[in-house]
Amino acid sequence: MSTSTLTGPPAPVPADRAGERPAPAGSSRGTGRVFWLIWRQSRAAVRLMVILTVLAALLLLALHVLLQDRIELMHQTDCYQPRSWEDLGCRVQAGRVEMLSRMFTDVLQPAVTAVPVLLGMFLGGPLLAQEYERGTLRMVLAQSVTPRRWLAVRLAVPGAAVLLLSAALSVLTSWVWWSDIVHNPVAFDPPFQAFTYPVLGVAPVVWSLFGLALGVLVGQLVRRTVAAVLVSGAVVAVAHAVVVAVRPYFWPRVSMEQPYDNLMSGFVQPANAWLVEQGVVLPDGTRLTAAECVDASGACATAQASWGQFHPVSDLVPVQLVEAGLLLVLTALVVAVVFRRLTRAGS
C-alpha cells in the first residue's frame, strides 16, 4: 500500500491563499503579531500611566494659574514685598501663596521623585517575572519570532510610553518651578534640594528609564512577580541613594573664603547654591571642616575666615547632563544584560 493511499490526496489550497507562504521566523508579519500581542498585555499599564500623567498635568496647570493670579494680586495691592506682610491683609495673601507653593514643593515634588521607584516596582519588575512564573515565556519563544526580537518589542512598548510621559511631566514641573516658584516672593526652593532636583530638566526622564530597566533585570533574576516588585523598589531606591552620594563630584565645585562671622557661625553660600562642604581657616592657615571643629574643643574660636565649597545654580545643567549620561550608559548595560541572559538561556 502506497503512502499516498494512507495519507490521501493533499487538501486543495484556497484560491485567495494560493500565493501565500508561511511567514519565516523573524519576519515583519511575525513581529507585527508579537507587537499587537504585547500591546494588549501592556495597554492597561500604559493607560494608567497616561491617566496619572494627565491628572498631574491638570494639577500643575491649575497651580500655575492660581499662583499667577495670587501673585498678581499681591503686586496690585502693594503686598509683594516682605515688609508689607505686617499688614493683616497682606499676610493673608502671602499665606495663600505659600499654601499653593507648598502643594508643589511638599506634595508634587515627592510624588514625581518616587515615580522611577514605582516604575521599577510595578512595571519593570513584573515585566519578565510574570512570564517566567506563568511559564508563558517558552511558549512565546517557540513561535515564529526570535527571542531577541520578542524582547525588543516587549521592552519597546512600555519604554516608549515611559519616555514620552516622563518627558511631558518633566517639561511641566520645570516650567512651573521656574515661572511660579523661583520668582515667588514667599517660596524658597533651591534647585539642588532632595525633592527639587529630581523633578527638573532631564532628571525625571533618565531616572524613569533607568528605574524601568533595573526593574526588568531584577524580575528576570528573581522570576517571581511579588518578589520582583519588592526587590525592584529596594534596588532602585538604593541606586538613587548611591547617585545622590556621588552627585557633588559630577562637576567641579567652586571654593571660596569669606571673613569669619561669629553670628552666622559658618560659610554663607550664594543664593540657590548647593553648599557641599564648609569649615574655617585658622590663623596659621590651617583649614578645618565643620565636623573637625566640633572635635577640636574650641580651637576654631580663633578662626579668621570661613571657607566653603559649593555648586552655584549655574551648575545645575552640567551636573544633570553628566548624571543623565551616566544613567543612560547604565540603562544600556542593564538592557544588554537582559538580552544576553534571555538569548543565552533560550528561555
C-alpha atoms as a PDB file:
ATOM      1  CA  MET A   1       0.000   0.000   0.000  1.00  0.00           C
ATOM      2  CA  SER A   2       1.457   3.329  -1.011  1.00  0.00           C
ATOM      3  CA  THR A   3       1.949   6.330   1.246  1.00  0.00           C
ATOM      4  CA  SER A   4      -0.485   8.351  -0.834  1.00  0.00           C
ATOM      5  CA  THR A   5      -3.178   5.807  -0.125  1.00  0.00           C
ATOM      6  CA  LEU A   6      -2.676   6.169   3.640  1.00  0.00           C
ATOM      7  CA  THR A   7      -2.473   9.942   3.728  1.00  0.00           C
ATOM      8  CA  GLY A   8      -4.918  10.753   0.981  1.00  0.00           C
ATOM      9  CA  PRO A   9      -4.550  13.469  -1.597  1.00  0.00           C
ATOM     10  CA  PRO A  10      -3.370  16.871  -0.416  1.00  0.00           C
ATOM     11  CA  ALA A  11      -6.085  19.323   0.579  1.00  0.00           C
ATOM     12  CA  PRO A  12      -6.842  21.906  -2.066  1.00  0.00           C
ATOM     13  CA  VAL A  13      -5.423  25.368  -1.434  1.00  0.00           C
ATOM     14  CA  PRO A  14      -7.980  28.193  -1.480  1.00  0.00           C
ATOM     15  CA  ALA A  15      -7.568  30.493  -4.455  1.00  0.00           C
ATOM     16  CA  ASP A  16      -7.083  33.571  -2.278  1.00  0.00           C
ATOM     17  CA  ARG A  17      -4.217  31.893  -0.394  1.00  0.00           C
ATOM     18  CA  ALA A  18      -2.575  30.070  -3.277  1.00  0.00           C
ATOM     19  CA  GLY A  19       0.316  32.525  -3.471  1.00  0.00           C
ATOM     20  CA  GLU A  20       0.945  32.771   0.281  1.00  0.00           C
ATOM     21  CA  ARG A  21       3.945  31.296   2.019  1.00  0.00           C
ATOM     22  CA  PRO A  22       4.360  30.654   5.725  1.00  0.00           C
ATOM     23  CA  ALA A  23       5.874  33.649   7.452  1.00  0.00           C
ATOM     24  CA  PRO A  24       9.536  32.873   8.110  1.00  0.00           C
ATOM     25  CA  ALA A  25      10.975  33.246  11.582  1.00  0.00           C
ATOM     26  CA  GLY A  26      11.708  36.875  12.399  1.00  0.00           C
ATOM     27  CA  SER A  27       9.613  38.224   9.503  1.00  0.00           C
ATOM     28  CA  SER A  28       7.828  41.556   9.738  1.00  0.00           C
ATOM     29  CA  ARG A  29       4.484  39.720   9.818  1.00  0.00           C
ATOM     30  CA  GLY A  30       5.603  37.714  12.842  1.00  0.00           C
ATOM     31  CA  THR A  31       6.901  40.855  14.520  1.00  0.00           C
ATOM     32  CA  GLY A  32       3.595  42.583  13.864  1.00  0.00           C
ATOM     33  CA  ARG A  33       1.693  39.783  15.575  1.00  0.00           C
ATOM     34  CA  VAL A  34       4.034  39.981  18.561  1.00  0.00           C
ATOM     35  CA  PHE A  35       3.643  43.754  18.721  1.00  0.00           C
ATOM     36  CA  TRP A  36      -0.138  43.552  18.949  1.00  0.00           C
ATOM     37  CA  LEU A  37       0.077  40.746  21.488  1.00  0.00           C
ATOM     38  CA  ILE A  38       2.436  42.788  23.663  1.00  0.00           C
ATOM     39  CA  TRP A  39       0.333  45.918  23.211  1.00  0.00           C
ATOM     40  CA  ARG A  40      -2.687  44.021  24.535  1.00  0.00           C
ATOM     41  CA  GLN A  41      -0.578  42.926  27.513  1.00  0.00           C
ATOM     42  CA  SER A  42       0.727  46.441  28.179  1.00  0.00           C
ATOM     43  CA  ARG A  43      -2.226  48.662  27.355  1.00  0.00           C
ATOM     44  CA  ALA A  44      -3.698  48.610  30.873  1.00  0.00           C
ATOM     45  CA  ALA A  45      -0.403  49.849  32.358  1.00  0.00           C
ATOM     46  CA  VAL A  46       0.031  52.413  29.571  1.00  0.00           C
ATOM     47  CA  ARG A  47      -3.500  53.718  30.059  1.00  0.00           C
ATOM     48  CA  LEU A  48      -2.925  54.045  33.797  1.00  0.00           C
ATOM     49  CA  MET A  49       0.299  55.994  33.190  1.00  0.00           C
ATOM     50  CA  VAL A  50      -1.475  58.275  30.735  1.00  0.00           C
ATOM     51  CA  ILE A  51      -4.309  58.929  33.192  1.00  0.00           C
ATOM     52  CA  LEU A  52      -1.913  59.722  36.047  1.00  0.00           C
ATOM     53  CA  THR A  53       0.184  61.987  33.818  1.00  0.00           C
ATOM     54  CA  VAL A  54      -2.906  63.864  32.632  1.00  0.00           C
ATOM     55  CA  LEU A  55      -4.085  64.326  36.228  1.00  0.00           C
ATOM     56  CA  ALA A  56      -0.640  65.596  37.255  1.00  0.00           C
ATOM     57  CA  ALA A  57      -0.619  67.943  34.263  1.00  0.00           C
ATOM     58  CA  LEU A  58      -4.034  69.341  35.157  1.00  0.00           C
ATOM     59  CA  LEU A  59      -2.922  69.881  38.752  1.00  0.00           C
ATOM     60  CA  LEU A  60       0.258  71.645  37.624  1.00  0.00           C
ATOM     61  CA  LEU A  61      -1.672  73.876  35.243  1.00  0.00           C
ATOM     62  CA  ALA A  62      -4.174  74.723  37.970  1.00  0.00           C
ATOM     63  CA  LEU A  63      -1.329  75.590  40.363  1.00  0.00           C
ATOM     64  CA  HIS A  64       0.247  77.822  37.718  1.00  0.00           C
ATOM     65  CA  VAL A  65      -2.987  79.726  37.104  1.00  0.00           C
ATOM     66  CA  LEU A  66      -3.764  80.128  40.820  1.00  0.00           C
ATOM     67  CA  LEU A  67      -0.225  81.208  41.740  1.00  0.00           C
ATOM     68  CA  GLN A  68      -0.043  83.711  38.924  1.00  0.00           C
ATOM     69  CA  ASP A  69      -3.406  85.138  39.957  1.00  0.00           C
ATOM     70  CA  ARG A  70      -2.417  85.442  43.641  1.00  0.00           C
ATOM     71  CA  ILE A  71       0.995  86.929  42.875  1.00  0.00           C
ATOM     72  CA  GLU A  72      -0.555  89.463  40.502  1.00  0.00           C
ATOM     73  CA  LEU A  73      -2.996  90.421  43.258  1.00  0.00           C
ATOM     74  CA  MET A  74      -0.075  90.951  45.642  1.00  0.00           C
ATOM     75  CA  HIS A  75       1.514  93.302  43.099  1.00  0.00           C
ATOM     76  CA  GLN A  76      -1.719  95.247  42.672  1.00  0.00           C
ATOM     77  CA  THR A  77      -2.256  95.684  46.432  1.00  0.00           C
ATOM     78  CA  ASP A  78       1.397  96.515  47.253  1.00  0.00           C
ATOM     79  CA  CYS A  79       1.745  93.271  49.241  1.00  0.00           C
ATOM     80  CA  TYR A  80       4.609  91.771  47.251  1.00  0.00           C
ATOM     81  CA  GLN A  81       7.499  92.975  49.446  1.00  0.00           C
ATOM     82  CA  PRO A  82       8.080  91.154  52.775  1.00  0.00           C
ATOM     83  CA  ARG A  83       7.997  94.414  54.738  1.00  0.00           C
ATOM     84  CA  SER A  84       4.326  94.777  53.798  1.00  0.00           C
ATOM     85  CA  TRP A  85       3.360  91.451  55.397  1.00  0.00           C
ATOM     86  CA  GLU A  86       2.959  93.083  58.787  1.00  0.00           C
ATOM     87  CA  ASP A  87      -0.413  94.205  57.484  1.00  0.00           C
ATOM     88  CA  LEU A  88      -3.080  91.551  58.118  1.00  0.00           C
ATOM     89  CA  GLY A  89      -4.483  91.665  54.586  1.00  0.00           C
ATOM     90  CA  CYS A  90      -1.045  91.273  53.018  1.00  0.00           C
ATOM     91  CA  ARG A  91      -0.187  88.491  55.438  1.00  0.00           C
ATOM     92  CA  VAL A  92      -3.323  86.603  54.381  1.00  0.00           C
ATOM     93  CA  GLN A  93      -2.404  86.953  50.714  1.00  0.00           C
ATOM     94  CA  ALA A  94       1.160  85.767  51.377  1.00  0.00           C
ATOM     95  CA  GLY A  95      -0.247  82.794  53.286  1.00  0.00           C
ATOM     96  CA  ARG A  96      -2.366  81.760  50.318  1.00  0.00           C
ATOM     97  CA  VAL A  97       0.622  81.935  48.003  1.00  0.00           C
ATOM     98  CA  GLU A  98       2.675  79.911  50.468  1.00  0.00           C
ATOM     99  CA  MET A  99      -0.051  77.254  50.697  1.00  0.00           C
ATOM    100  CA  LEU A 100      -0.171  76.867  46.915  1.00  0.00           C
ATOM    101  CA  SER A 101       3.622  76.790  46.723  1.00  0.00           C
ATOM    102  CA  ARG A 102       3.757  74.035  49.328  1.00  0.00           C
ATOM    103  CA  MET A 103       1.367  71.997  47.229  1.00  0.00           C
ATOM    104  CA  PHE A 104       4.125  71.916  44.619  1.00  0.00           C
ATOM    105  CA  THR A 105       7.150  71.547  46.917  1.00  0.00           C
ATOM    106  CA  ASP A 106       5.684  69.223  49.570  1.00  0.00           C
ATOM    107  CA  VAL A 107       3.253  67.086  47.549  1.00  0.00           C
ATOM    108  CA  LEU A 108       4.017  67.074  43.828  1.00  0.00           C
ATOM    109  CA  GLN A 109       7.796  67.043  44.090  1.00  0.00           C
ATOM    110  CA  PRO A 110       7.980  63.957  46.372  1.00  0.00           C
ATOM    111  CA  ALA A 111       5.384  62.207  44.185  1.00  0.00           C
ATOM    112  CA  VAL A 112       7.383  62.819  40.990  1.00  0.00           C
ATOM    113  CA  THR A 113      10.611  61.824  42.760  1.00  0.00           C
ATOM    114  CA  ALA A 114       9.020  58.463  43.614  1.00  0.00           C
ATOM    115  CA  VAL A 115       7.986  57.754  40.002  1.00  0.00           C
ATOM    116  CA  PRO A 116      11.191  55.858  38.986  1.00  0.00           C
ATOM    117  CA  VAL A 117      10.860  53.616  42.053  1.00  0.00           C
ATOM    118  CA  LEU A 118       7.204  52.926  41.268  1.00  0.00           C
ATOM    119  CA  LEU A 119       8.002  52.207  37.621  1.00  0.00           C
ATOM    120  CA  GLY A 120      10.689  49.749  38.642  1.00  0.00           C
ATOM    121  CA  MET A 121       8.319  48.051  41.079  1.00  0.00           C
ATOM    122  CA  PHE A 122       5.044  47.818  39.204  1.00  0.00           C
ATOM    123  CA  LEU A 123       6.079  47.989  35.535  1.00  0.00           C
ATOM    124  CA  GLY A 124       9.659  46.776  35.214  1.00  0.00           C
ATOM    125  CA  GLY A 125       9.699  44.093  37.910  1.00  0.00           C
ATOM    126  CA  PRO A 126       6.681  42.077  36.713  1.00  0.00           C
ATOM    127  CA  LEU A 127       7.500  42.510  33.001  1.00  0.00           C
ATOM    128  CA  LEU A 128       9.531  39.297  32.681  1.00  0.00           C
ATOM    129  CA  ALA A 129       8.962  37.846  36.137  1.00  0.00           C
ATOM    130  CA  GLN A 130       5.332  37.039  35.378  1.00  0.00           C
ATOM    131  CA  GLU A 131       6.334  35.430  32.056  1.00  0.00           C
ATOM    132  CA  TYR A 132       8.724  33.118  33.882  1.00  0.00           C
ATOM    133  CA  GLU A 133       6.325  32.469  36.735  1.00  0.00           C
ATOM    134  CA  ARG A 134       3.397  31.546  34.462  1.00  0.00           C
ATOM    135  CA  GLY A 135       5.573  29.516  32.108  1.00  0.00           C
ATOM    136  CA  THR A 136       4.395  31.507  29.093  1.00  0.00           C
ATOM    137  CA  LEU A 137       7.850  32.635  28.022  1.00  0.00           C
ATOM    138  CA  ARG A 138       8.847  29.286  26.497  1.00  0.00           C
ATOM    139  CA  MET A 139       5.573  29.111  24.604  1.00  0.00           C
ATOM    140  CA  VAL A 140       6.020  32.623  23.224  1.00  0.00           C
ATOM    141  CA  LEU A 141       9.603  31.988  22.149  1.00  0.00           C
ATOM    142  CA  ALA A 142       8.564  28.771  20.393  1.00  0.00           C
ATOM    143  CA  GLN A 143       6.637  30.839  17.859  1.00  0.00           C
ATOM    144  CA  SER A 144       7.959  32.310  14.631  1.00  0.00           C
ATOM    145  CA  VAL A 145       9.670  35.322  16.244  1.00  0.00           C
ATOM    146  CA  THR A 146      13.214  35.195  17.605  1.00  0.00           C
ATOM    147  CA  PRO A 147      13.860  35.723  21.349  1.00  0.00           C
ATOM    148  CA  ARG A 148      15.840  38.902  20.652  1.00  0.00           C
ATOM    149  CA  ARG A 149      13.071  40.441  18.548  1.00  0.00           C
ATOM    150  CA  TRP A 150      10.368  39.427  21.027  1.00  0.00           C
ATOM    151  CA  LEU A 151      12.279  41.025  23.900  1.00  0.00           C
ATOM    152  CA  ALA A 152      12.952  44.176  21.855  1.00  0.00           C
ATOM    153  CA  VAL A 153       9.226  44.646  21.280  1.00  0.00           C
ATOM    154  CA  ARG A 154       8.423  43.664  24.875  1.00  0.00           C
ATOM    155  CA  LEU A 155      10.672  46.441  26.182  1.00  0.00           C
ATOM    156  CA  ALA A 156       9.941  48.998  23.463  1.00  0.00           C
ATOM    157  CA  VAL A 157       6.211  49.369  24.143  1.00  0.00           C
ATOM    158  CA  PRO A 158       6.399  50.344  27.849  1.00  0.00           C
ATOM    159  CA  GLY A 159       9.751  52.048  27.296  1.00  0.00           C
ATOM    160  CA  ALA A 160       8.326  54.400  24.682  1.00  0.00           C
ATOM    161  CA  ALA A 161       5.375  55.222  26.935  1.00  0.00           C
ATOM    162  CA  VAL A 162       7.685  55.945  29.877  1.00  0.00           C
ATOM    163  CA  LEU A 163       9.942  58.124  27.709  1.00  0.00           C
ATOM    164  CA  LEU A 164       7.120  60.251  26.301  1.00  0.00           C
ATOM    165  CA  LEU A 165       5.112  60.630  29.508  1.00  0.00           C
ATOM    166  CA  SER A 166       8.109  61.354  31.747  1.00  0.00           C
ATOM    167  CA  ALA A 167       9.334  63.951  29.238  1.00  0.00           C
ATOM    168  CA  ALA A 168       5.937  65.671  29.272  1.00  0.00           C
ATOM    169  CA  LEU A 169       5.863  65.624  33.069  1.00  0.00           C
ATOM    170  CA  SER A 170       9.406  66.984  33.257  1.00  0.00           C
ATOM    171  CA  VAL A 171       8.555  69.908  30.976  1.00  0.00           C
ATOM    172  CA  LEU A 172       5.565  70.840  33.130  1.00  0.00           C
ATOM    173  CA  THR A 173       7.324  70.547  36.501  1.00  0.00           C
ATOM    174  CA  SER A 174      10.343  72.522  35.261  1.00  0.00           C
ATOM    175  CA  TRP A 175       8.083  75.213  33.811  1.00  0.00           C
ATOM    176  CA  VAL A 176       6.009  75.613  36.994  1.00  0.00           C
ATOM    177  CA  TRP A 177       9.149  75.644  39.167  1.00  0.00           C
ATOM    178  CA  TRP A 178      10.834  78.304  37.041  1.00  0.00           C
ATOM    179  CA  SER A 179       7.826  80.534  36.385  1.00  0.00           C
ATOM    180  CA  ASP A 180       5.949  80.229  39.704  1.00  0.00           C
ATOM    181  CA  ILE A 181       8.309  79.057  42.457  1.00  0.00           C
ATOM    182  CA  VAL A 182      11.741  80.571  41.793  1.00  0.00           C
ATOM    183  CA  HIS A 183      10.299  84.060  41.310  1.00  0.00           C
ATOM    184  CA  ASN A 184       7.812  83.609  44.117  1.00  0.00           C
ATOM    185  CA  PRO A 185       8.007  86.167  46.973  1.00  0.00           C
ATOM    186  CA  VAL A 186       7.164  83.509  49.582  1.00  0.00           C
ATOM    187  CA  ALA A 187       8.601  80.169  48.430  1.00  0.00           C
ATOM    188  CA  PHE A 188      12.219  79.115  48.901  1.00  0.00           C
ATOM    189  CA  ASP A 189      13.120  76.124  46.739  1.00  0.00           C
ATOM    190  CA  PRO A 190      16.774  75.896  45.610  1.00  0.00           C
ATOM    191  CA  PRO A 191      17.220  73.540  42.642  1.00  0.00           C
ATOM    192  CA  PHE A 192      19.675  71.157  44.326  1.00  0.00           C
ATOM    193  CA  GLN A 193      17.330  70.166  47.151  1.00  0.00           C
ATOM    194  CA  ALA A 194      16.469  66.484  47.610  1.00  0.00           C
ATOM    195  CA  PHE A 195      12.963  66.653  46.120  1.00  0.00           C
ATOM    196  CA  THR A 196      13.563  69.567  43.732  1.00  0.00           C
ATOM    197  CA  TYR A 197      16.470  68.261  41.667  1.00  0.00           C
ATOM    198  CA  PRO A 198      14.694  65.015  40.563  1.00  0.00           C
ATOM    199  CA  VAL A 199      11.733  66.912  39.035  1.00  0.00           C
ATOM    200  CA  LEU A 200      13.760  69.361  36.926  1.00  0.00           C
ATOM    201  CA  GLY A 201      15.283  69.082  33.471  1.00  0.00           C
ATOM    202  CA  VAL A 202      16.268  65.649  32.196  1.00  0.00           C
ATOM    203  CA  ALA A 203      16.334  64.025  35.644  1.00  0.00           C
ATOM    204  CA  PRO A 204      12.747  62.621  35.604  1.00  0.00           C
ATOM    205  CA  VAL A 205      13.260  61.142  32.125  1.00  0.00           C
ATOM    206  CA  VAL A 206      16.574  59.357  32.653  1.00  0.00           C
ATOM    207  CA  TRP A 207      15.631  58.144  36.122  1.00  0.00           C
ATOM    208  CA  SER A 208      12.326  56.739  34.851  1.00  0.00           C
ATOM    209  CA  LEU A 209      14.054  54.825  32.062  1.00  0.00           C
ATOM    210  CA  PHE A 210      16.741  53.562  34.425  1.00  0.00           C
ATOM    211  CA  GLY A 211      14.152  52.502  37.019  1.00  0.00           C
ATOM    212  CA  LEU A 212      12.206  50.582  34.372  1.00  0.00           C
ATOM    213  CA  ALA A 213      15.308  48.802  33.036  1.00  0.00           C
ATOM    214  CA  LEU A 214      16.583  47.939  36.507  1.00  0.00           C
ATOM    215  CA  GLY A 215      13.184  46.512  37.437  1.00  0.00           C
ATOM    216  CA  VAL A 216      13.177  44.322  34.305  1.00  0.00           C
ATOM    217  CA  LEU A 217      16.590  42.891  35.209  1.00  0.00           C
ATOM    218  CA  VAL A 218      15.510  42.200  38.778  1.00  0.00           C
ATOM    219  CA  GLY A 219      12.377  40.456  37.525  1.00  0.00           C
ATOM    220  CA  GLN A 220      14.444  38.315  35.164  1.00  0.00           C
ATOM    221  CA  LEU A 221      16.730  37.280  38.021  1.00  0.00           C
ATOM    222  CA  VAL A 222      14.023  36.709  40.652  1.00  0.00           C
ATOM    223  CA  ARG A 223      11.368  35.166  38.350  1.00  0.00           C
ATOM    224  CA  ARG A 224       8.613  35.632  40.927  1.00  0.00           C
ATOM    225  CA  THR A 225       6.226  38.538  40.462  1.00  0.00           C
ATOM    226  CA  VAL A 226       5.642  39.587  44.070  1.00  0.00           C
ATOM    227  CA  ALA A 227       9.312  39.210  44.980  1.00  0.00           C
ATOM    228  CA  ALA A 228      10.300  41.149  41.856  1.00  0.00           C
ATOM    229  CA  VAL A 229       8.014  44.032  42.831  1.00  0.00           C
ATOM    230  CA  LEU A 230       9.526  44.318  46.315  1.00  0.00           C
ATOM    231  CA  VAL A 231      13.151  43.790  45.317  1.00  0.00           C
ATOM    232  CA  SER A 232      12.895  46.175  42.346  1.00  0.00           C
ATOM    233  CA  GLY A 233      11.663  49.001  44.560  1.00  0.00           C
ATOM    234  CA  ALA A 234      14.511  48.455  47.021  1.00  0.00           C
ATOM    235  CA  VAL A 235      17.168  48.228  44.291  1.00  0.00           C
ATOM    236  CA  VAL A 236      16.035  51.410  42.508  1.00  0.00           C
ATOM    237  CA  ALA A 237      15.884  53.276  45.829  1.00  0.00           C
ATOM    238  CA  VAL A 238      19.413  52.132  46.729  1.00  0.00           C
ATOM    239  CA  ALA A 239      20.676  53.149  43.282  1.00  0.00           C
ATOM    240  CA  HIS A 240      19.141  56.593  43.778  1.00  0.00           C
ATOM    241  CA  ALA A 241      20.837  56.957  47.171  1.00  0.00           C
ATOM    242  CA  VAL A 242      24.217  55.980  45.691  1.00  0.00           C
ATOM    243  CA  VAL A 243      23.914  58.522  42.873  1.00  0.00           C
ATOM    244  CA  VAL A 244      22.885  61.246  45.329  1.00  0.00           C
ATOM    245  CA  ALA A 245      26.010  60.472  47.382  1.00  0.00           C
ATOM    246  CA  VAL A 246      28.350  60.888  44.394  1.00  0.00           C
ATOM    247  CA  ARG A 247      26.434  63.728  42.711  1.00  0.00           C
ATOM    248  CA  PRO A 248      28.628  66.509  44.220  1.00  0.00           C
ATOM    249  CA  TYR A 249      31.588  65.113  42.248  1.00  0.00           C
ATOM    250  CA  PHE A 250      29.904  65.207  38.838  1.00  0.00           C
ATOM    251  CA  TRP A 251      31.137  68.765  38.219  1.00  0.00           C
ATOM    252  CA  PRO A 252      33.985  70.867  39.702  1.00  0.00           C
ATOM    253  CA  ARG A 253      32.937  72.767  42.816  1.00  0.00           C
ATOM    254  CA  VAL A 254      33.604  76.423  43.485  1.00  0.00           C
ATOM    255  CA  SER A 255      35.823  77.177  46.506  1.00  0.00           C
ATOM    256  CA  MET A 256      35.576  80.484  48.324  1.00  0.00           C
ATOM    257  CA  GLU A 257      36.734  82.116  51.537  1.00  0.00           C
ATOM    258  CA  GLN A 258      34.996  84.919  53.438  1.00  0.00           C
ATOM    259  CA  PRO A 259      35.592  86.708  56.741  1.00  0.00           C
ATOM    260  CA  TYR A 260      34.504  84.605  59.677  1.00  0.00           C
ATOM    261  CA  ASP A 261      31.246  85.816  61.224  1.00  0.00           C
ATOM    262  CA  ASN A 262      30.570  84.573  64.744  1.00  0.00           C
ATOM    263  CA  LEU A 263      26.898  85.431  64.382  1.00  0.00           C
ATOM    264  CA  MET A 264      26.469  83.367  61.212  1.00  0.00           C
ATOM    265  CA  SER A 265      28.895  80.718  62.561  1.00  0.00           C
ATOM    266  CA  GLY A 266      29.605  79.296  59.134  1.00  0.00           C
ATOM    267  CA  PHE A 267      30.081  79.894  55.454  1.00  0.00           C
ATOM    268  CA  VAL A 268      27.239  81.730  53.674  1.00  0.00           C
ATOM    269  CA  GLN A 269      26.835  80.433  50.118  1.00  0.00           C
ATOM    270  CA  PRO A 270      25.270  82.440  47.260  1.00  0.00           C
ATOM    271  CA  ALA A 271      21.522  82.291  46.742  1.00  0.00           C
ATOM    272  CA  ASN A 272      20.202  78.928  45.497  1.00  0.00           C
ATOM    273  CA  ALA A 273      23.711  77.407  45.587  1.00  0.00           C
ATOM    274  CA  TRP A 274      24.395  73.895  46.877  1.00  0.00           C
ATOM    275  CA  LEU A 275      26.809  74.045  49.801  1.00  0.00           C
ATOM    276  CA  VAL A 276      28.727  70.766  49.738  1.00  0.00           C
ATOM    277  CA  GLU A 277      31.343  71.344  52.432  1.00  0.00           C
ATOM    278  CA  GLN A 278      32.370  74.157  54.765  1.00  0.00           C
ATOM    279  CA  GLY A 279      34.742  74.971  57.571  1.00  0.00           C
ATOM    280  CA  VAL A 280      37.051  77.621  58.997  1.00  0.00           C
ATOM    281  CA  VAL A 281      40.583  78.894  58.391  1.00  0.00           C
ATOM    282  CA  LEU A 282      42.780  79.155  61.498  1.00  0.00           C
ATOM    283  CA  PRO A 283      45.308  81.985  61.970  1.00  0.00           C
ATOM    284  CA  ASP A 284      48.154  79.703  60.804  1.00  0.00           C
ATOM    285  CA  GLY A 285      46.279  78.967  57.557  1.00  0.00           C
ATOM    286  CA  THR A 286      45.076  75.519  58.562  1.00  0.00           C
ATOM    287  CA  ARG A 287      41.683  74.571  57.149  1.00  0.00           C
ATOM    288  CA  LEU A 288      39.296  72.603  59.322  1.00  0.00           C
ATOM    289  CA  THR A 289      35.925  71.262  58.278  1.00  0.00           C
ATOM    290  CA  ALA A 290      32.814  71.917  60.352  1.00  0.00           C
ATOM    291  CA  ALA A 291      32.934  68.348  61.684  1.00  0.00           C
ATOM    292  CA  GLU A 292      36.588  68.752  62.702  1.00  0.00           C
ATOM    293  CA  CYS A 293      35.708  71.957  64.536  1.00  0.00           C
ATOM    294  CA  VAL A 294      33.300  70.026  66.732  1.00  0.00           C
ATOM    295  CA  ASP A 295      36.107  67.630  67.697  1.00  0.00           C
ATOM    296  CA  ALA A 296      38.709  70.388  68.135  1.00  0.00           C
ATOM    297  CA  SER A 297      37.423  71.549  71.539  1.00  0.00           C
ATOM    298  CA  GLY A 298      37.144  75.256  70.767  1.00  0.00           C
ATOM    299  CA  ALA A 299      40.184  75.575  68.514  1.00  0.00           C
ATOM    300  CA  CYS A 300      38.004  77.116  65.804  1.00  0.00           C
ATOM    301  CA  ALA A 301      37.069  80.046  68.053  1.00  0.00           C
ATOM    302  CA  THR A 302      40.207  81.794  66.837  1.00  0.00           C
ATOM    303  CA  ALA A 303      39.299  81.407  63.184  1.00  0.00           C
ATOM    304  CA  GLN A 304      39.893  84.418  60.985  1.00  0.00           C
ATOM    305  CA  ALA A 305      37.952  83.232  57.934  1.00  0.00           C
ATOM    306  CA  SER A 306      35.476  80.613  56.833  1.00  0.00           C
ATOM    307  CA  TRP A 307      35.639  78.553  53.644  1.00  0.00           C
ATOM    308  CA  GLY A 308      33.134  76.683  51.590  1.00  0.00           C
ATOM    309  CA  GLN A 309      32.839  74.504  48.512  1.00  0.00           C
ATOM    310  CA  PHE A 310      29.576  74.768  46.623  1.00  0.00           C
ATOM    311  CA  HIS A 311      27.814  74.340  43.315  1.00  0.00           C
ATOM    312  CA  PRO A 312      26.302  77.620  42.095  1.00  0.00           C
ATOM    313  CA  VAL A 313      22.880  77.485  40.488  1.00  0.00           C
ATOM    314  CA  SER A 314      24.583  77.668  37.067  1.00  0.00           C
ATOM    315  CA  ASP A 315      25.986  74.157  37.694  1.00  0.00           C
ATOM    316  CA  LEU A 316      22.508  72.606  37.613  1.00  0.00           C
ATOM    317  CA  VAL A 317      22.537  71.863  33.878  1.00  0.00           C
ATOM    318  CA  PRO A 318      26.115  70.472  33.715  1.00  0.00           C
ATOM    319  CA  VAL A 319      25.547  68.265  36.760  1.00  0.00           C
ATOM    320  CA  GLN A 320      22.293  66.952  35.305  1.00  0.00           C
ATOM    321  CA  LEU A 321      23.873  66.254  31.920  1.00  0.00           C
ATOM    322  CA  VAL A 322      26.716  64.277  33.487  1.00  0.00           C
ATOM    323  CA  GLU A 323      24.234  62.321  35.597  1.00  0.00           C
ATOM    324  CA  ALA A 324      21.997  61.726  32.580  1.00  0.00           C
ATOM    325  CA  GLY A 325      24.920  60.380  30.569  1.00  0.00           C
ATOM    326  CA  LEU A 326      25.895  58.043  33.402  1.00  0.00           C
ATOM    327  CA  LEU A 327      22.337  56.750  33.826  1.00  0.00           C
ATOM    328  CA  LEU A 328      21.835  56.236  30.091  1.00  0.00           C
ATOM    329  CA  VAL A 329      25.035  54.183  29.935  1.00  0.00           C
ATOM    330  CA  LEU A 330      23.912  52.121  32.935  1.00  0.00           C
ATOM    331  CA  THR A 331      20.470  51.665  31.371  1.00  0.00           C
ATOM    332  CA  ALA A 332      22.053  50.404  28.153  1.00  0.00           C
ATOM    333  CA  LEU A 333      24.249  47.991  30.123  1.00  0.00           C
ATOM    334  CA  VAL A 334      21.269  46.678  32.094  1.00  0.00           C
ATOM    335  CA  VAL A 335      19.253  46.129  28.913  1.00  0.00           C
ATOM    336  CA  ALA A 336      22.242  44.385  27.280  1.00  0.00           C
ATOM    337  CA  VAL A 337      22.494  42.013  30.243  1.00  0.00           C
ATOM    338  CA  VAL A 338      18.762  41.248  29.983  1.00  0.00           C
ATOM    339  CA  PHE A 339      19.114  40.469  26.252  1.00  0.00           C
ATOM    340  CA  ARG A 340      22.190  38.319  26.810  1.00  0.00           C
ATOM    341  CA  ARG A 341      20.602  36.281  29.576  1.00  0.00           C
ATOM    342  CA  LEU A 342      17.430  35.664  27.578  1.00  0.00           C
ATOM    343  CA  THR A 343      19.112  34.677  24.325  1.00  0.00           C
ATOM    344  CA  ARG A 344      21.801  32.580  26.021  1.00  0.00           C
ATOM    345  CA  ALA A 345      19.316  30.639  28.118  1.00  0.00           C
ATOM    346  CA  GLY A 346      16.879  30.331  25.219  1.00  0.00           C
ATOM    347  CA  SER A 347      14.007  30.806  27.618  1.00  0.00           C
END
